[in-house]
Amino acid sequence: MDRYLVNFNINDIPAEHYDAVIIGSGIAGVYTALQTDRRVNIAVITKETLDISNSVLAQGGIAVSLDKDDSPECHFKDTIYAGAGLCNEETVWTLVSEAAENIEILCRYGVNFDKSDEHHLALSREGAHSRNRIVHTGDATGKEVCDTLIHALIKHDNVRIYERTYAIDIITDNRKCIGILSYLEDSGEYKLFLADAIVCASGGYGQLYNYTTNPPVATGDGAAMAYRAGCRLMDLEFVQFHPTVLYHPQNRSFLISEAVRGEGAVLLNEKGERFMQGCHPMAELAPRDVVSRAIFREIGKTGSTHVYLDISHKEPEYVKHRFPTIYKTCLQYGIDITRDKIPVAPAAHYSMGGIMTDSYGRTGIEGFYACGEAACNGIHGANRLASNSLLEGLVFGRRIALEISSRVLGRTKHETVIPDNLVVSEKKNGPLEDAGELKSRLRRLMTEKVGIIRNEENLKEALNQVMEIKRETEGKACTTIEQWELVNMLTLAELVIKSALMRKESRGAHYRTDYPHTDDVNFRKNTII
């Protein structure tokens, strides 16, 4: 594996100096920038435009214990239960105990959460939560939060935003982070962003799969570049498939929020029969891995391509008001959710694994931090609890912001030193061709062999095919974003499969038919690569 994706001479690339550089414009990246001291000079770089991220697509809401019948202790227990024995209790406690103060900060920024009355936020429930604790803005919470935070960020004169800027690699010197090698898509030029504090908030790797709720940018670039730089990655085998994603010929990526089931929607097979009661005591509100596997099996039994989600028994005006985005989107495809059943099937949704960090986002490289879905600090264990993802970006984004502020403002040297001998010149045998077709081939392979239900035969066949594609690309010159994405996706696909092969048990989102039981004696531990 090459250390860097492209050949370069560090002295030949235009450079800009910052105190901190943040990769990604989802909730984790933007909130980290906002919570950093305004005396810190920051660059935020994002692969597309500011408004394209997984966070923007988040519908359900943010988990926080605010009700008199709820508590951080209760939220802690639910998170630990969903995580199936692999949660880091220290970081989970940090998450639940710092949730309320971060929601209060969002309210001060002007996030317009739904209210139950003049003084209290409305609280709903989602799968595996024992209490109503999801704050929301209709069914477009992620968009409301991100729009509000981005609006605040562009007013900060200490922050410069670079859109359509692709982070290629972390530049390191003796295991110390000194900057980011990037590509400016509009001008076709390389640029160095030099800083001794880099935050990777680039999102997950849902695009490894054919059907995913993730936007096209979620190709795992952050985890792959961190791995090349020498960071440890953790728990990559745990990929959460959301149970209820619209299944329509024109759209197989639109999420039907878990909150719909939280408001009483039921799952039906093609005969119109409920099937979740016999699968789990919480029925439709069981943890996501349980519901996804139940749907997968039901589809297999009936030979159908999907099941149905039905909320038509609820008052139509209430449904339209509570889920305006879902109502309008489904209506575009001829589905009136107040009267019709919604065709749904599972799709890749969230990466529990990522860059291994501590509770302040620190990695094994000095000055390099990771946050949000790109990171893995053990909060989610083997299966993320619903609506803990946006919360993670807030809680740990703020912690990283405080850490960076202290680090930058307390230092004596104020400019990153560039090593004058950094020249990368790997021999290349012609350009890498057909990157788009190879990406499609990889996604089909991962969906068929490394999906919701796995076994050793399929995993080994998938690994062989991934290595075959890697051999086709090795030694080839990569000069486009699609080519760099392919290399990153191949890196992560190999590591996801190897992690899944090592875990000879079933736990959370990782289910193997050849090892259908959970083995606490041998596998109640994280997979670290």
Protein backbone atom coordinates (compact mmCIF):
# COMPACT_ATOMS: atom_id res chain seq x y z
CA MET A 1 0.00 0.00 0.00
CA ASP A 2 1.37 3.40 -1.02
CA ARG A 3 1.62 5.94 1.80
CA TYR A 4 0.17 8.70 -0.40
CA LEU A 5 -2.34 8.53 -3.25
CA VAL A 6 -0.45 10.92 -5.54
CA ASN A 7 3.13 11.85 -6.34
CA PHE A 8 4.10 15.30 -5.12
CA ASN A 9 6.92 17.57 -4.05
CA ILE A 10 5.78 19.50 -1.01
CA ASN A 11 7.74 22.58 -2.11
CA ASP A 12 5.93 22.77 -5.46
CA ILE A 13 2.37 22.97 -4.11
CA PRO A 14 0.75 26.27 -3.05
CA ALA A 15 0.24 26.29 0.71
CA GLU A 16 -1.95 28.14 3.20
CA HIS A 17 -1.37 28.17 6.95
CA TYR A 18 -4.17 27.78 9.51
CA ASP A 19 -4.33 26.99 13.20
CA ALA A 20 -6.79 24.17 12.49
CA VAL A 21 -8.29 22.47 9.45
CA ILE A 22 -11.63 20.63 9.61
CA ILE A 23 -12.52 18.09 6.92
CA GLY A 24 -16.29 17.81 6.45
CA SER A 25 -19.35 20.04 6.67
CA GLY A 26 -21.81 17.76 8.47
CA ILE A 27 -22.91 18.43 12.03
CA ALA A 28 -19.61 17.18 13.52
CA GLY A 29 -17.41 19.41 11.38
CA VAL A 30 -19.51 22.58 11.47
CA TYR A 31 -20.24 22.36 15.21
CA THR A 32 -16.55 21.77 15.98
CA ALA A 33 -15.69 24.93 14.04
CA LEU A 34 -18.39 26.93 15.82
CA GLN A 35 -17.37 25.77 19.29
CA THR A 36 -13.67 26.50 18.74
CA ASP A 37 -12.40 29.79 20.21
CA ARG A 38 -12.84 32.61 17.68
CA ARG A 39 -9.18 33.55 18.05
CA VAL A 40 -8.31 30.26 16.29
CA ASN A 41 -7.87 30.58 12.52
CA ILE A 42 -9.80 27.72 10.85
CA ALA A 43 -10.26 26.30 7.36
CA VAL A 44 -13.27 24.05 6.73
CA ILE A 45 -12.89 21.96 3.59
CA THR A 46 -15.74 19.93 2.16
CA LYS A 47 -15.88 17.55 -0.77
CA GLU A 48 -19.03 19.03 -2.27
CA THR A 49 -21.07 22.02 -1.13
CA LEU A 50 -21.66 22.82 2.54
CA ASP A 51 -25.18 21.41 2.53
CA ILE A 52 -24.31 17.88 1.33
CA SER A 53 -23.73 15.44 4.18
CA ASN A 54 -25.30 12.53 6.00
CA SER A 55 -26.25 14.92 8.80
CA VAL A 56 -28.49 16.96 6.50
CA LEU A 57 -30.41 13.79 5.61
CA ALA A 58 -31.03 12.77 9.23
CA GLN A 59 -34.78 12.76 9.82
CA GLY A 60 -35.56 11.43 13.27
CA GLY A 61 -33.88 13.73 15.75
CA ILE A 62 -31.39 13.88 18.60
CA ALA A 63 -31.55 11.75 21.74
CA VAL A 64 -31.41 13.60 25.06
CA SER A 65 -32.91 12.84 28.48
CA LEU A 66 -35.10 15.85 29.32
CA ASP A 67 -38.33 14.28 30.58
CA LYS A 68 -38.98 13.99 34.33
CA ASP A 69 -39.33 10.22 33.90
CA ASP A 70 -36.02 9.98 32.05
CA SER A 71 -32.37 10.40 33.07
CA PRO A 72 -28.84 10.16 31.64
CA GLU A 73 -28.59 6.84 33.49
CA CYS A 74 -31.60 5.50 31.57
CA HIS A 75 -30.24 6.81 28.24
CA PHE A 76 -26.92 5.15 29.15
CA LYS A 77 -28.59 1.77 29.75
CA ASP A 78 -30.49 1.91 26.45
CA THR A 79 -27.30 2.78 24.53
CA ILE A 80 -25.36 -0.04 26.21
CA TYR A 81 -28.19 -2.51 25.48
CA ALA A 82 -28.34 -1.59 21.79
CA GLY A 83 -24.53 -1.81 21.52
CA ALA A 84 -24.65 -5.55 22.31
CA GLY A 85 -21.75 -5.69 24.75
CA LEU A 86 -19.14 -3.66 22.86
CA CYS A 87 -19.81 -0.09 24.02
CA ASN A 88 -17.10 1.85 25.81
CA GLU A 89 -18.91 2.80 29.01
CA GLU A 90 -16.74 5.86 29.64
CA THR A 91 -17.50 7.46 26.27
CA VAL A 92 -21.18 6.47 26.46
CA TRP A 93 -21.47 8.21 29.82
CA THR A 94 -19.79 11.28 28.33
CA LEU A 95 -22.35 11.22 25.51
CA VAL A 96 -25.46 10.99 27.67
CA SER A 97 -24.28 13.29 30.47
CA GLU A 98 -23.24 16.13 28.11
CA ALA A 99 -26.27 15.80 25.82
CA ALA A 100 -28.52 18.39 27.46
CA GLU A 101 -25.97 21.21 27.50
CA ASN A 102 -25.31 20.75 23.78
CA ILE A 103 -29.03 20.78 22.96
CA GLU A 104 -29.25 24.01 24.93
CA ILE A 105 -26.41 25.43 22.81
CA LEU A 106 -28.30 24.46 19.64
CA CYS A 107 -31.36 26.29 20.92
CA ARG A 108 -29.23 29.39 21.50
CA TYR A 109 -28.03 29.17 17.90
CA GLY A 110 -31.69 29.26 16.92
CA VAL A 111 -32.50 25.64 16.05
CA ASN A 112 -36.30 25.52 15.97
CA PHE A 113 -37.10 22.23 17.72
CA ASP A 114 -40.75 21.18 17.91
CA LYS A 115 -42.36 22.03 21.27
CA SER A 116 -45.03 20.32 23.32
CA ASP A 117 -45.88 23.67 24.93
CA GLU A 118 -44.38 27.12 25.30
CA HIS A 119 -41.60 25.97 27.64
CA HIS A 120 -40.87 22.34 26.73
CA LEU A 121 -39.42 20.57 23.71
CA ALA A 122 -41.56 17.81 22.21
CA LEU A 123 -40.08 14.36 22.82
CA SER A 124 -40.73 11.30 20.64
CA ARG A 125 -39.53 7.70 20.83
CA GLU A 126 -37.55 5.52 18.44
CA GLY A 127 -36.37 1.92 18.35
CA ALA A 128 -34.73 0.46 21.50
CA HIS A 129 -35.37 3.62 23.54
CA SER A 130 -37.26 2.95 26.78
CA ARG A 131 -38.40 6.58 27.11
CA ASN A 132 -39.57 9.44 24.91
CA ARG A 133 -36.33 11.40 24.47
CA ILE A 134 -35.95 12.36 20.80
CA VAL A 135 -36.00 16.12 20.15
CA HIS A 136 -36.90 16.89 16.55
CA THR A 137 -38.04 19.42 13.98
CA GLY A 138 -40.75 17.57 12.08
CA ASP A 139 -39.02 14.82 10.12
CA ALA A 140 -36.11 16.97 8.89
CA THR A 141 -34.11 17.51 12.07
CA GLY A 142 -30.71 17.11 10.41
CA LYS A 143 -31.47 19.73 7.78
CA GLU A 144 -32.82 22.23 10.33
CA VAL A 145 -29.81 21.80 12.61
CA CYS A 146 -27.25 21.92 9.80
CA ASP A 147 -28.88 24.90 8.07
CA THR A 148 -28.89 26.82 11.35
CA LEU A 149 -25.28 25.96 12.19
CA ILE A 150 -24.00 26.70 8.68
CA HIS A 151 -25.80 30.06 8.77
CA ALA A 152 -23.98 30.82 12.03
CA LEU A 153 -20.64 29.57 10.72
CA ILE A 154 -20.51 31.79 7.64
CA LYS A 155 -20.67 34.81 9.96
CA HIS A 156 -17.50 33.76 11.79
CA ASP A 157 -14.61 35.80 10.43
CA ASN A 158 -12.06 33.33 11.80
CA VAL A 159 -13.37 30.57 9.52
CA ARG A 160 -12.70 30.20 5.81
CA ILE A 161 -14.81 27.65 3.93
CA TYR A 162 -13.57 25.72 0.89
CA GLU A 163 -16.30 23.91 -1.01
CA ARG A 164 -15.67 21.28 -3.72
CA THR A 165 -12.29 20.61 -2.12
CA TYR A 166 -11.21 16.99 -1.83
CA ALA A 167 -8.92 15.94 1.02
CA ILE A 168 -6.51 13.44 -0.56
CA ASP A 169 -4.12 12.65 2.29
CA ILE A 170 -2.95 13.69 5.72
CA ILE A 171 0.63 14.95 5.60
CA THR A 172 2.65 13.66 8.53
CA ASP A 173 6.18 14.05 9.82
CA ASN A 174 7.39 11.63 12.52
CA ARG A 175 3.79 10.68 13.44
CA LYS A 176 2.85 14.32 13.80
CA CYS A 177 0.14 15.80 11.60
CA ILE A 178 1.28 18.89 9.68
CA GLY A 179 -1.46 19.35 7.11
CA ILE A 180 -3.73 18.10 4.36
CA LEU A 181 -2.94 17.57 0.70
CA SER A 182 -6.09 18.54 -1.18
CA TYR A 183 -7.48 18.97 -4.67
CA LEU A 184 -9.53 22.00 -5.70
CA GLU A 185 -12.15 20.56 -8.02
CA ASP A 186 -13.14 23.77 -9.77
CA SER A 187 -9.58 24.82 -10.70
CA GLY A 188 -8.06 21.34 -10.98
CA GLU A 189 -5.15 22.34 -8.74
CA TYR A 190 -3.54 20.83 -5.66
CA LYS A 191 -3.30 22.83 -2.44
CA LEU A 192 -1.66 22.25 0.94
CA PHE A 193 -3.61 23.25 4.04
CA LEU A 194 -0.95 23.42 6.73
CA ALA A 195 -1.93 23.21 10.40
CA ASP A 196 -0.85 21.28 13.44
CA ALA A 197 -4.48 20.51 14.34
CA ILE A 198 -6.55 18.55 11.80
CA VAL A 199 -10.09 17.30 12.47
CA CYS A 200 -11.48 14.53 10.29
CA ALA A 201 -15.29 14.76 10.23
CA SER A 202 -15.68 13.34 6.74
CA GLY A 203 -18.46 10.84 7.47
CA GLY A 204 -18.81 7.10 6.95
CA TYR A 205 -18.54 4.51 4.19
CA GLY A 206 -22.13 3.70 3.22
CA GLN A 207 -21.24 3.98 -0.47
CA LEU A 208 -19.52 0.60 -0.22
CA TYR A 209 -23.04 -0.77 -0.77
CA ASN A 210 -25.43 -0.66 -3.71
CA TYR A 211 -28.40 0.52 -1.66
CA THR A 212 -27.67 3.14 0.96
CA THR A 213 -29.28 6.15 2.56
CA ASN A 214 -25.91 7.94 2.38
CA PRO A 215 -25.14 10.64 -0.19
CA PRO A 216 -22.56 9.89 -2.93
CA VAL A 217 -19.80 11.64 -0.93
CA ALA A 218 -19.80 8.92 1.79
CA THR A 219 -16.94 6.84 0.37
CA GLY A 220 -14.91 6.47 3.57
CA ASP A 221 -12.12 8.82 2.50
CA GLY A 222 -11.31 9.90 6.05
CA ALA A 223 -10.85 6.39 7.45
CA ALA A 224 -8.77 5.32 4.44
CA MET A 225 -6.43 8.32 4.58
CA ALA A 226 -6.06 7.88 8.34
CA TYR A 227 -5.17 4.21 7.82
CA ARG A 228 -2.50 5.13 5.24
CA ALA A 229 -1.07 7.60 7.75
CA GLY A 230 -0.79 4.90 10.43
CA CYS A 231 -3.96 5.38 12.50
CA ARG A 232 -5.75 2.42 14.00
CA LEU A 233 -9.26 1.67 12.74
CA MET A 234 -11.85 -0.06 14.94
CA ASP A 235 -15.00 -2.18 14.52
CA LEU A 236 -15.27 -1.83 10.74
CA GLU A 237 -17.38 -5.01 10.45
CA PHE A 238 -20.34 -3.30 12.13
CA VAL A 239 -22.34 -1.65 9.35
CA GLN A 240 -25.85 -0.67 10.34
CA PHE A 241 -28.59 -1.31 7.81
CA HIS A 242 -31.63 0.87 8.35
CA PRO A 243 -34.73 -1.36 8.24
CA THR A 244 -37.12 1.00 6.50
CA VAL A 245 -35.87 2.65 3.33
CA LEU A 246 -38.30 3.44 0.53
CA TYR A 247 -38.40 0.65 -2.07
CA HIS A 248 -39.55 2.20 -5.33
CA PRO A 249 -38.20 1.82 -8.89
CA GLN A 250 -37.30 5.51 -8.91
CA ASN A 251 -35.93 5.80 -5.37
CA ARG A 252 -34.30 3.18 -3.15
CA SER A 253 -32.33 5.51 -0.88
CA PHE A 254 -34.96 7.69 0.81
CA LEU A 255 -35.11 6.97 4.53
CA ILE A 256 -38.46 6.37 6.21
CA SER A 257 -37.56 7.54 9.68
CA GLU A 258 -37.64 5.24 12.67
CA ALA A 259 -39.84 7.90 14.24
CA VAL A 260 -42.67 6.67 11.99
CA ARG A 261 -42.57 3.36 13.88
CA GLY A 262 -42.16 5.35 17.08
CA GLU A 263 -45.52 6.98 16.30
CA GLY A 264 -47.24 3.62 15.86
CA ALA A 265 -46.53 2.42 12.31
CA VAL A 266 -46.45 -1.38 11.89
CA LEU A 267 -44.53 -3.63 9.51
CA LEU A 268 -46.53 -5.95 7.25
CA ASN A 269 -45.50 -8.67 4.82
CA GLU A 270 -46.96 -8.95 1.33
CA LYS A 271 -49.97 -10.84 2.77
CA GLY A 272 -50.72 -7.87 5.05
CA GLU A 273 -49.61 -9.74 8.20
CA ARG A 274 -47.52 -8.29 11.02
CA PHE A 275 -44.36 -10.32 11.65
CA MET A 276 -42.31 -8.44 14.27
CA GLN A 277 -44.20 -9.55 17.42
CA GLY A 278 -42.61 -12.99 17.31
CA CYS A 279 -39.11 -11.62 16.67
CA HIS A 280 -38.60 -9.34 19.68
CA PRO A 281 -40.54 -8.10 22.75
CA MET A 282 -40.34 -4.52 21.41
CA ALA A 283 -41.76 -5.65 18.01
CA GLU A 284 -41.37 -2.79 15.47
CA LEU A 285 -39.33 -0.80 18.01
CA ALA A 286 -36.65 -3.46 18.44
CA PRO A 287 -33.03 -2.47 17.75
CA ARG A 288 -32.30 -1.79 14.09
CA ASP A 289 -30.22 -4.91 13.52
CA VAL A 290 -33.09 -7.09 14.75
CA VAL A 291 -35.68 -5.38 12.54
CA SER A 292 -33.42 -5.40 9.46
CA ARG A 293 -32.75 -9.14 9.77
CA ALA A 294 -36.45 -9.86 10.35
CA ILE A 295 -37.35 -7.96 7.16
CA PHE A 296 -34.54 -9.69 5.26
CA ARG A 297 -35.85 -13.10 6.33
CA GLU A 298 -39.48 -12.16 5.57
CA ILE A 299 -38.48 -11.07 2.08
CA GLY A 300 -36.64 -14.37 1.64
CA LYS A 301 -39.64 -16.41 2.81
CA THR A 302 -42.15 -14.71 0.54
CA GLY A 303 -39.89 -14.17 -2.46
CA SER A 304 -40.82 -10.50 -2.46
CA THR A 305 -38.42 -7.56 -2.83
CA HIS A 306 -39.80 -5.56 0.10
CA VAL A 307 -42.26 -5.39 2.98
CA TYR A 308 -44.65 -2.60 3.95
CA LEU A 309 -44.74 0.05 6.65
CA ASP A 310 -48.28 1.13 7.55
CA ILE A 311 -49.26 4.26 9.50
CA SER A 312 -52.59 4.75 7.73
CA HIS A 313 -54.51 4.00 10.94
CA LYS A 314 -53.33 7.32 12.44
CA GLU A 315 -55.17 10.61 11.99
CA PRO A 316 -54.20 11.92 8.48
CA GLU A 317 -53.64 15.53 9.54
CA TYR A 318 -51.39 14.42 12.40
CA VAL A 319 -49.31 12.26 10.04
CA LYS A 320 -48.93 15.12 7.54
CA HIS A 321 -47.88 17.53 10.30
CA ARG A 322 -45.50 15.12 12.05
CA PHE A 323 -43.86 13.79 8.87
CA PRO A 324 -44.17 16.52 6.22
CA THR A 325 -41.01 15.58 4.30
CA ILE A 326 -41.83 11.87 4.19
CA TYR A 327 -45.43 12.63 3.23
CA LYS A 328 -44.45 14.95 0.35
CA THR A 329 -41.65 12.71 -0.93
CA CYS A 330 -43.77 9.56 -0.96
CA LEU A 331 -46.57 11.47 -2.66
CA GLN A 332 -44.18 12.21 -5.54
CA TYR A 333 -44.08 8.45 -6.13
CA GLY A 334 -47.84 7.98 -5.90
CA ILE A 335 -47.87 6.84 -2.26
CA ASP A 336 -50.17 8.67 0.14
CA ILE A 337 -48.87 7.52 3.53
CA THR A 338 -52.12 8.58 5.25
CA ARG A 339 -53.93 5.91 3.19
CA ASP A 340 -51.35 3.65 1.53
CA LYS A 341 -48.80 1.20 2.84
CA ILE A 342 -45.19 2.28 2.21
CA PRO A 343 -42.97 -0.28 0.43
CA VAL A 344 -39.69 -0.53 2.35
CA ALA A 345 -36.51 -2.63 2.49
CA PRO A 346 -33.25 -2.35 4.46
CA ALA A 347 -30.30 -0.34 3.11
CA ALA A 348 -26.81 0.49 4.40
CA HIS A 349 -27.17 3.45 6.71
CA TYR A 350 -24.42 3.98 9.28
CA SER A 351 -20.82 2.92 9.91
CA MET A 352 -20.27 2.06 13.56
CA GLY A 353 -16.58 1.55 12.83
CA GLY A 354 -14.03 4.17 11.92
CA ILE A 355 -10.87 5.92 13.08
CA MET A 356 -10.09 4.82 16.64
CA THR A 357 -10.17 7.78 19.05
CA ASP A 358 -10.34 8.57 22.74
CA SER A 359 -13.03 10.67 24.43
CA TYR A 360 -11.44 13.89 23.10
CA GLY A 361 -11.25 12.71 19.51
CA ARG A 362 -7.49 12.12 19.66
CA THR A 363 -5.97 9.48 17.39
CA GLY A 364 -2.54 7.83 17.32
CA ILE A 365 -1.12 10.74 15.32
CA GLU A 366 -0.28 13.92 17.22
CA GLY A 367 -2.57 16.78 16.23
CA PHE A 368 -4.97 14.58 14.24
CA TYR A 369 -8.53 14.25 15.59
CA ALA A 370 -11.62 12.46 14.32
CA CYS A 371 -15.27 13.07 15.07
CA GLY A 372 -18.74 11.94 14.03
CA GLU A 373 -19.27 8.94 11.78
CA ALA A 374 -15.63 9.00 10.62
CA ALA A 375 -14.56 8.21 14.19
CA CYS A 376 -14.98 5.21 16.47
CA ASN A 377 -14.66 5.83 20.19
CA GLY A 378 -16.83 2.91 21.29
CA ILE A 379 -20.12 4.76 21.83
CA HIS A 380 -22.18 2.66 19.46
CA GLY A 381 -20.64 -0.74 20.08
CA ALA A 382 -22.00 -3.34 17.68
CA ASN A 383 -25.20 -1.44 16.88
CA ARG A 384 -25.94 2.28 17.16
CA LEU A 385 -28.97 3.37 19.16
CA ALA A 386 -31.32 5.53 17.08
CA SER A 387 -30.69 9.30 17.20
CA ASN A 388 -27.35 9.01 18.97
CA SER A 389 -25.47 9.92 15.77
CA LEU A 390 -26.18 13.66 15.59
CA LEU A 391 -25.66 13.76 19.35
CA GLU A 392 -22.22 12.19 18.96
CA GLY A 393 -21.19 14.90 16.51
CA LEU A 394 -22.27 17.58 18.99
CA VAL A 395 -20.81 16.18 22.20
CA PHE A 396 -17.44 15.13 20.82
CA GLY A 397 -17.23 17.99 18.34
CA ARG A 398 -17.42 20.38 21.29
CA ARG A 399 -14.82 18.39 23.22
CA ILE A 400 -12.43 18.51 20.27
CA ALA A 401 -13.10 22.24 19.88
CA LEU A 402 -12.16 22.89 23.51
CA GLU A 403 -9.05 20.71 23.16
CA ILE A 404 -7.92 22.51 19.99
CA SER A 405 -8.62 25.95 21.46
CA SER A 406 -6.46 25.15 24.48
CA ARG A 407 -3.75 23.64 22.32
CA VAL A 408 -3.57 26.48 19.79
CA LEU A 409 -3.89 29.38 22.21
CA GLY A 410 -1.38 27.86 24.61
CA ARG A 411 1.40 27.27 22.12
CA THR A 412 4.48 29.43 21.61
CA LYS A 413 5.20 28.57 17.94
CA HIS A 414 2.54 29.87 15.56
CA GLU A 415 3.33 28.33 12.19
CA THR A 416 3.61 24.75 11.05
CA VAL A 417 7.10 23.81 9.90
CA ILE A 418 7.16 22.11 6.50
CA PRO A 419 9.74 19.36 6.08
CA ASP A 420 11.91 20.46 3.14
CA ASN A 421 12.63 16.92 1.95
CA LEU A 422 9.12 15.53 1.47
CA VAL A 423 9.02 14.26 -2.10
CA VAL A 424 6.76 11.35 -3.08
CA SER A 425 7.61 9.72 -6.40
CA GLU A 426 6.08 6.24 -6.69
CA LYS A 427 6.50 4.55 -10.07
CA LYS A 428 3.19 4.47 -11.96
CA ASN A 429 2.29 2.20 -14.87
CA GLY A 430 -0.21 4.27 -16.80
CA PRO A 431 -3.52 5.81 -15.67
CA LEU A 432 -6.21 3.97 -13.71
CA GLU A 433 -9.12 3.42 -16.07
CA ASP A 434 -12.77 2.40 -15.59
CA ALA A 435 -12.90 3.65 -11.98
CA GLY A 436 -16.67 4.17 -12.18
CA GLU A 437 -17.32 0.63 -13.40
CA LEU A 438 -14.98 -0.81 -10.76
CA LYS A 439 -16.81 1.13 -8.03
CA SER A 440 -20.14 -0.31 -9.23
CA ARG A 441 -18.65 -3.80 -9.28
CA LEU A 442 -17.37 -3.36 -5.74
CA ARG A 443 -20.73 -2.10 -4.43
CA ARG A 444 -22.58 -5.05 -5.95
CA LEU A 445 -20.07 -7.43 -4.44
CA MET A 446 -20.32 -5.91 -0.95
CA THR A 447 -24.14 -5.94 -1.10
CA GLU A 448 -24.30 -9.59 -2.16
CA LYS A 449 -21.55 -11.04 0.04
CA VAL A 450 -20.97 -8.66 2.99
CA GLY A 451 -24.46 -7.40 3.76
CA ILE A 452 -27.05 -7.98 6.49
CA ILE A 453 -26.44 -11.74 6.74
CA ARG A 454 -22.95 -13.16 6.24
CA ASN A 455 -21.01 -16.42 6.22
CA GLU A 456 -17.39 -17.50 5.76
CA GLU A 457 -17.82 -18.74 2.20
CA ASN A 458 -19.30 -15.46 0.97
CA LEU A 459 -16.82 -13.35 2.94
CA LYS A 460 -13.82 -15.23 1.53
CA GLU A 461 -15.20 -14.99 -1.99
CA ALA A 462 -15.74 -11.25 -1.48
CA LEU A 463 -12.19 -10.81 -0.20
CA ASN A 464 -10.77 -12.67 -3.19
CA GLN A 465 -12.70 -10.45 -5.59
CA VAL A 466 -11.71 -7.25 -3.76
CA MET A 467 -8.05 -8.27 -3.92
CA GLU A 468 -8.48 -9.00 -7.63
CA ILE A 469 -9.83 -5.48 -8.21
CA LYS A 470 -6.98 -4.07 -6.13
CA ARG A 471 -4.45 -5.87 -8.32
CA GLU A 472 -6.09 -4.29 -11.37
CA THR A 473 -5.55 -0.83 -9.86
CA GLU A 474 -2.11 -1.23 -8.25
CA GLY A 475 0.68 0.84 -9.74
CA LYS A 476 -1.76 2.97 -11.72
CA ALA A 477 -1.71 6.76 -11.64
CA CYS A 478 -4.75 8.31 -9.91
CA THR A 479 -5.53 11.90 -10.84
CA THR A 480 -9.31 12.25 -10.37
CA ILE A 481 -11.66 12.21 -7.39
CA GLU A 482 -13.44 9.12 -8.70
CA GLN A 483 -10.12 7.27 -8.87
CA TRP A 484 -9.10 8.34 -5.35
CA GLU A 485 -12.52 7.32 -4.06
CA LEU A 486 -12.14 3.90 -5.64
CA VAL A 487 -8.77 3.33 -3.94
CA ASN A 488 -10.24 4.41 -0.59
CA MET A 489 -13.31 2.19 -1.03
CA LEU A 490 -11.13 -0.82 -1.91
CA THR A 491 -8.99 -0.21 1.16
CA LEU A 492 -12.03 -0.13 3.43
CA ALA A 493 -13.80 -3.02 1.71
CA GLU A 494 -10.77 -5.23 2.34
CA LEU A 495 -10.63 -4.20 6.00
CA VAL A 496 -14.40 -4.57 6.55
CA ILE A 497 -14.28 -8.10 5.16
CA LYS A 498 -11.18 -9.09 7.13
CA SER A 499 -12.80 -7.74 10.32
CA ALA A 500 -15.98 -9.71 9.56
CA LEU A 501 -13.96 -12.89 8.99
CA MET A 502 -12.12 -12.44 12.29
CA ARG A 503 -15.37 -12.07 14.24
CA LYS A 504 -16.57 -15.68 14.35
CA GLU A 505 -19.84 -14.90 16.11
CA SER A 506 -23.02 -12.89 15.62
CA ARG A 507 -23.31 -9.62 17.53
CA GLY A 508 -25.33 -6.49 16.81
CA ALA A 509 -25.20 -5.50 13.16
CA HIS A 510 -22.76 -8.35 12.35
CA TYR A 511 -24.68 -11.58 11.78
CA ARG A 512 -23.14 -14.81 10.52
CA THR A 513 -25.23 -17.87 9.69
CA ASP A 514 -22.20 -20.11 10.33
CA TYR A 515 -21.73 -18.58 13.80
CA PRO A 516 -25.29 -17.56 14.75
CA HIS A 517 -24.65 -17.10 18.49
CA THR A 518 -22.91 -14.38 20.48
CA ASP A 519 -19.62 -15.58 21.97
CA ASP A 520 -18.76 -13.37 24.94
CA VAL A 521 -15.85 -15.58 26.00
CA ASN A 522 -13.84 -15.03 22.82
CA PHE A 523 -15.31 -12.01 21.08
CA ARG A 524 -16.55 -9.48 23.61
CA LYS A 525 -13.82 -7.16 22.40
CA ASN A 526 -13.30 -4.57 19.71
CA THR A 527 -11.71 -5.40 16.37
CA ILE A 528 -8.69 -3.12 15.96
CA ILE A 529 -6.68 -2.89 12.73
